[in-house]
Amino acid sequence: MSQTGDWFNVVALFSLLLELTGKGEAVALALLTRFVPMFFAGPAAGVLADRVSRRAILVVSDLLRSRSCSACCSSADPIRCGSRTRWSRPIRS
């Protein structure tokens, strides 16, 4: 079920990117930025996973993720963080 949600997220992101830019190259660049880090970090991550306890890896990754999320929220434009973004316009009847 989680992979289905992830896939819908990817499809929505690439569809929005194509709609906003109108270029297939932008979608290709987004794919590259998504998979190139995994390609290069994969072997090192495998060695790390074999040598360090699973619990320590999970705790450190959760702490890093929470730190990056809080950094994004604190530095973001308050208009975009609120309920109104440029894609969520009120519906007029």
Foldseek 3Di string as FASTA:
>chain_A
DVVVVVVVVLVVVLVVQCVVPVDPVSSVVVVCVVCVVCVVCVVVVVVVPVPDDPVVVVVVVVVVVVVVVVVCVVPDDVCCVDPDDPVDDDDDD
